[in-house]
C-alpha atoms as a PDB file:
ATOM      1  CA  MET A   1      15.077  -9.013 -28.280  1.00  0.00           C
ATOM      2  CA  ILE A   2      13.310  -7.755 -25.152  1.00  0.00           C
ATOM      3  CA  ASP A   3      13.176 -10.405 -22.451  1.00  0.00           C
ATOM      4  CA  HIS A   4       9.956  -9.761 -20.488  1.00  0.00           C
ATOM      5  CA  SER A   5       6.283 -10.580 -20.728  1.00  0.00           C
ATOM      6  CA  PRO A   6       4.038  -7.791 -22.029  1.00  0.00           C
ATOM      7  CA  ARG A   7       2.346  -7.344 -18.632  1.00  0.00           C
ATOM      8  CA  SER A   8       5.395  -7.289 -16.369  1.00  0.00           C
ATOM      9  CA  ALA A   9       6.880  -4.016 -15.152  1.00  0.00           C
ATOM     10  CA  THR A  10      10.323  -3.030 -16.364  1.00  0.00           C
ATOM     11  CA  SER A  11      12.996  -0.656 -15.144  1.00  0.00           C
ATOM     12  CA  VAL A  12      11.525   1.914 -17.554  1.00  0.00           C
ATOM     13  CA  ASP A  13       8.136   1.596 -15.834  1.00  0.00           C
ATOM     14  CA  MET A  14       9.803   2.107 -12.461  1.00  0.00           C
ATOM     15  CA  HIS A  15      11.754   5.121 -13.753  1.00  0.00           C
ATOM     16  CA  VAL A  16       8.616   6.742 -15.192  1.00  0.00           C
ATOM     17  CA  GLY A  17       6.798   6.027 -11.922  1.00  0.00           C
ATOM     18  CA  SER A  18       9.531   7.602  -9.843  1.00  0.00           C
ATOM     19  CA  ARG A  19       9.416  10.714 -12.049  1.00  0.00           C
ATOM     20  CA  ILE A  20       5.630  10.903 -11.567  1.00  0.00           C
ATOM     21  CA  ARG A  21       6.101  10.669  -7.804  1.00  0.00           C
ATOM     22  CA  LEU A  22       8.867  13.267  -7.758  1.00  0.00           C
ATOM     23  CA  ARG A  23       6.881  15.813  -9.740  1.00  0.00           C
ATOM     24  CA  ARG A  24       3.721  15.214  -7.715  1.00  0.00           C
ATOM     25  CA  GLN A  25       5.646  15.741  -4.483  1.00  0.00           C
ATOM     26  CA  LEU A  26       7.382  18.847  -5.799  1.00  0.00           C
ATOM     27  CA  LEU A  27       3.937  20.269  -6.528  1.00  0.00           C
ATOM     28  CA  LYS A  28       2.829  19.238  -3.008  1.00  0.00           C
ATOM     29  CA  MET A  29      -0.038  17.294  -4.566  1.00  0.00           C
ATOM     30  CA  SER A  30      -1.519  14.225  -2.881  1.00  0.00           C
ATOM     31  CA  GLN A  31      -1.979  10.925  -4.679  1.00  0.00           C
ATOM     32  CA  GLU A  32      -5.704  11.392  -4.214  1.00  0.00           C
ATOM     33  CA  ALA A  33      -5.674  14.831  -5.858  1.00  0.00           C
ATOM     34  CA  LEU A  34      -3.646  13.516  -8.796  1.00  0.00           C
ATOM     35  CA  GLY A  35      -5.999  10.555  -9.123  1.00  0.00           C
ATOM     36  CA  ASN A  36      -9.002  12.891  -9.168  1.00  0.00           C
ATOM     37  CA  GLU A  37      -7.421  14.968 -11.943  1.00  0.00           C
ATOM     38  CA  LEU A  38      -6.756  11.797 -13.961  1.00  0.00           C
ATOM     39  CA  GLY A  39     -10.064  10.103 -13.179  1.00  0.00           C
ATOM     40  CA  VAL A  40      -8.421   7.168 -11.353  1.00  0.00           C
ATOM     41  CA  THR A  41      -8.158   6.081  -7.735  1.00  0.00           C
ATOM     42  CA  PHE A  42      -5.232   7.017  -5.510  1.00  0.00           C
ATOM     43  CA  GLN A  43      -4.391   3.294  -5.443  1.00  0.00           C
ATOM     44  CA  GLN A  44      -3.895   3.410  -9.210  1.00  0.00           C
ATOM     45  CA  VAL A  45      -1.592   6.419  -8.782  1.00  0.00           C
ATOM     46  CA  GLN A  46       0.372   4.387  -6.195  1.00  0.00           C
ATOM     47  CA  LYS A  47       0.743   1.547  -8.693  1.00  0.00           C
ATOM     48  CA  TYR A  48       1.968   3.939 -11.389  1.00  0.00           C
ATOM     49  CA  GLU A  49       4.494   5.481  -8.988  1.00  0.00           C
ATOM     50  CA  ARG A  50       5.870   2.090  -7.932  1.00  0.00           C
ATOM     51  CA  GLY A  51       6.076   0.927 -11.543  1.00  0.00           C
ATOM     52  CA  ALA A  52       3.697  -1.933 -10.735  1.00  0.00           C
ATOM     53  CA  ASN A  53       1.325  -0.764 -13.483  1.00  0.00           C
ATOM     54  CA  ARG A  54       2.434   0.615 -16.808  1.00  0.00           C
ATOM     55  CA  VAL A  55       1.367   4.079 -17.833  1.00  0.00           C
ATOM     56  CA  GLY A  56      -0.219   4.124 -21.278  1.00  0.00           C
ATOM     57  CA  ALA A  57       0.496   6.839 -23.821  1.00  0.00           C
ATOM     58  CA  SER A  58      -2.776   8.718 -23.343  1.00  0.00           C
ATOM     59  CA  ARG A  59      -2.434   8.578 -19.541  1.00  0.00           C
ATOM     60  CA  LEU A  60       1.168   9.792 -19.801  1.00  0.00           C
ATOM     61  CA  PHE A  61      -0.045  12.696 -21.915  1.00  0.00           C
ATOM     62  CA  SER A  62      -2.694  13.509 -19.277  1.00  0.00           C
ATOM     63  CA  LEU A  63      -0.066  13.282 -16.536  1.00  0.00           C
ATOM     64  CA  SER A  64       2.152  15.730 -18.399  1.00  0.00           C
ATOM     65  CA  ARG A  65      -0.719  18.217 -18.537  1.00  0.00           C
ATOM     66  CA  VAL A  66      -1.782  17.809 -14.899  1.00  0.00           C
ATOM     67  CA  LEU A  67       1.811  17.920 -13.608  1.00  0.00           C
ATOM     68  CA  ASP A  68       2.715  20.754 -16.021  1.00  0.00           C
ATOM     69  CA  VAL A  69       5.748  19.082 -17.598  1.00  0.00           C
ATOM     70  CA  PRO A  70       6.524  17.899 -21.133  1.00  0.00           C
ATOM     71  CA  VAL A  71       6.079  14.157 -21.775  1.00  0.00           C
ATOM     72  CA  SER A  72       9.862  13.911 -22.164  1.00  0.00           C
ATOM     73  CA  TYR A  73      10.204  14.808 -18.457  1.00  0.00           C
ATOM     74  CA  PHE A  74       9.183  11.278 -17.495  1.00  0.00           C
ATOM     75  CA  PHE A  75      12.106   9.819 -19.450  1.00  0.00           C
ATOM     76  CA  GLU A  76      14.828  12.247 -18.360  1.00  0.00           C
ATOM     77  CA  GLY A  77      17.840  10.461 -16.927  1.00  0.00           C
ATOM     78  CA  LEU A  78      16.912   7.186 -18.592  1.00  0.00           C
ATOM     79  CA  ASP A  79      19.762   5.661 -20.568  1.00  0.00           C
ATOM     80  CA  ALA A  80      19.825   2.476 -22.605  1.00  0.00           C
ATOM     81  CA  GLU A  81      22.862   1.340 -20.606  1.00  0.00           C
ATOM     82  CA  PRO A  82      23.028   2.569 -17.003  1.00  0.00           C
ATOM     83  CA  SER A  83      26.453   3.657 -15.873  1.00  0.00           C
ATOM     84  CA  ARG A  84      27.963   1.800 -12.926  1.00  0.00           C
ATOM     85  CA  GLN A  85      29.482   3.474  -9.941  1.00  0.00           C
ATOM     86  CA  SER A  86      32.477   2.066  -8.117  1.00  0.00           C
ATOM     87  CA  ASP A  87      30.254   0.474  -5.463  1.00  0.00           C
ATOM     88  CA  GLY A  88      28.351  -1.497  -8.103  1.00  0.00           C
ATOM     89  CA  LYS A  89      25.152   0.548  -7.786  1.00  0.00           C
ATOM     90  CA  ASP A  90      23.929   2.150 -10.981  1.00  0.00           C
ATOM     91  CA  ASP A  91      23.161   5.875 -11.157  1.00  0.00           C
ATOM     92  CA  ARG A  92      19.469   5.258 -11.690  1.00  0.00           C
ATOM     93  CA  SER A  93      19.253   3.233  -8.481  1.00  0.00           C
ATOM     94  CA  VAL A  94      20.872   6.036  -6.476  1.00  0.00           C
ATOM     95  CA  ILE A  95      18.515   8.619  -7.963  1.00  0.00           C
ATOM     96  CA  GLN A  96      15.475   6.430  -7.363  1.00  0.00           C
ATOM     97  CA  ASP A  97      16.500   5.865  -3.752  1.00  0.00           C
ATOM     98  CA  LEU A  98      16.828   9.616  -3.285  1.00  0.00           C
ATOM     99  CA  ILE A  99      13.528  10.645  -4.858  1.00  0.00           C
ATOM    100  CA  GLN A 100      11.625   7.881  -3.119  1.00  0.00           C
ATOM    101  CA  SER A 101      12.499   9.337   0.278  1.00  0.00           C
ATOM    102  CA  HIS A 102      10.831  12.313   1.891  1.00  0.00           C
ATOM    103  CA  ASP A 103      14.244  13.746   2.836  1.00  0.00           C
ATOM    104  CA  GLY A 104      15.480  13.406  -0.741  1.00  0.00           C
ATOM    105  CA  VAL A 105      12.533  15.347  -2.126  1.00  0.00           C
ATOM    106  CA  ALA A 106      12.931  18.026   0.562  1.00  0.00           C
ATOM    107  CA  LEU A 107      16.653  18.289  -0.242  1.00  0.00           C
ATOM    108  CA  ALA A 108      15.938  18.599  -3.967  1.00  0.00           C
ATOM    109  CA  GLN A 109      13.317  21.292  -3.354  1.00  0.00           C
ATOM    110  CA  ALA A 110      15.619  23.330  -1.135  1.00  0.00           C
ATOM    111  CA  PHE A 111      18.630  22.889  -3.424  1.00  0.00           C
ATOM    112  CA  SER A 112      16.651  23.947  -6.512  1.00  0.00           C
ATOM    113  CA  GLN A 113      15.857  27.265  -4.812  1.00  0.00           C
ATOM    114  CA  ILE A 114      19.547  28.155  -4.503  1.00  0.00           C
ATOM    115  CA  GLU A 115      20.269  30.386  -7.467  1.00  0.00           C
ATOM    116  CA  THR A 116      23.972  31.107  -7.012  1.00  0.00           C
ATOM    117  CA  PRO A 117      26.216  28.450  -8.625  1.00  0.00           C
ATOM    118  CA  LYS A 118      28.984  29.055  -6.075  1.00  0.00           C
ATOM    119  CA  VAL A 119      26.601  28.439  -3.176  1.00  0.00           C
ATOM    120  CA  ARG A 120      25.290  25.273  -4.874  1.00  0.00           C
ATOM    121  CA  ARG A 121      28.851  23.939  -5.188  1.00  0.00           C
ATOM    122  CA  ARG A 122      29.519  24.703  -1.514  1.00  0.00           C
ATOM    123  CA  VAL A 123      26.376  22.813  -0.508  1.00  0.00           C
ATOM    124  CA  ILE A 124      27.529  19.829  -2.578  1.00  0.00           C
ATOM    125  CA  GLU A 125      30.962  20.000  -0.926  1.00  0.00           C
ATOM    126  CA  LEU A 126      29.318  20.140   2.504  1.00  0.00           C
ATOM    127  CA  VAL A 127      27.144  17.096   1.794  1.00  0.00           C
ATOM    128  CA  ARG A 128      30.129  15.171   0.434  1.00  0.00           C
ATOM    129  CA  SER A 129      32.211  15.987   3.514  1.00  0.00           C
ATOM    130  CA  LEU A 130      29.389  14.918   5.823  1.00  0.00           C
ATOM    131  CA  SER A 131      28.914  11.656   3.933  1.00  0.00           C
ATOM    132  CA  SER A 132      32.627  10.850   4.170  1.00  0.00           C
ATOM    133  CA  GLU A 133      32.458  11.377   7.946  1.00  0.00           C
ATOM    134  CA  GLU A 134      29.820   8.633   8.077  1.00  0.00           C
ATOM    135  CA  ASP A 135      32.315   6.074   6.713  1.00  0.00           C
END
């Protein structure tokens, strides 16, 4: 049995919201522009992106059209049981932290433009080595 009131946001709402935000940022679209396309205010877009307000089925369909992605895009990476990393943080939390930051979106945009698998692996190795130096 699901253990939340019908009006409270869930981790699914937050995941969908973070995917909306990521796609909007990748398209370099403002919250205001997205709101105009959907017929809502930019404040409503903010609430969707934070997971504070749920996105209904018809709105999700409209979002998929405006953001040029299939509806399934908003649920990618969502598992019934999140996997746990050794530090106790789940994978979803790490991904959400990344895509909620300007640097994370910029990194994802730049990385996605690298076409050579070998170069991608070297970038990953570089980032891992830099992160271990921080410890």
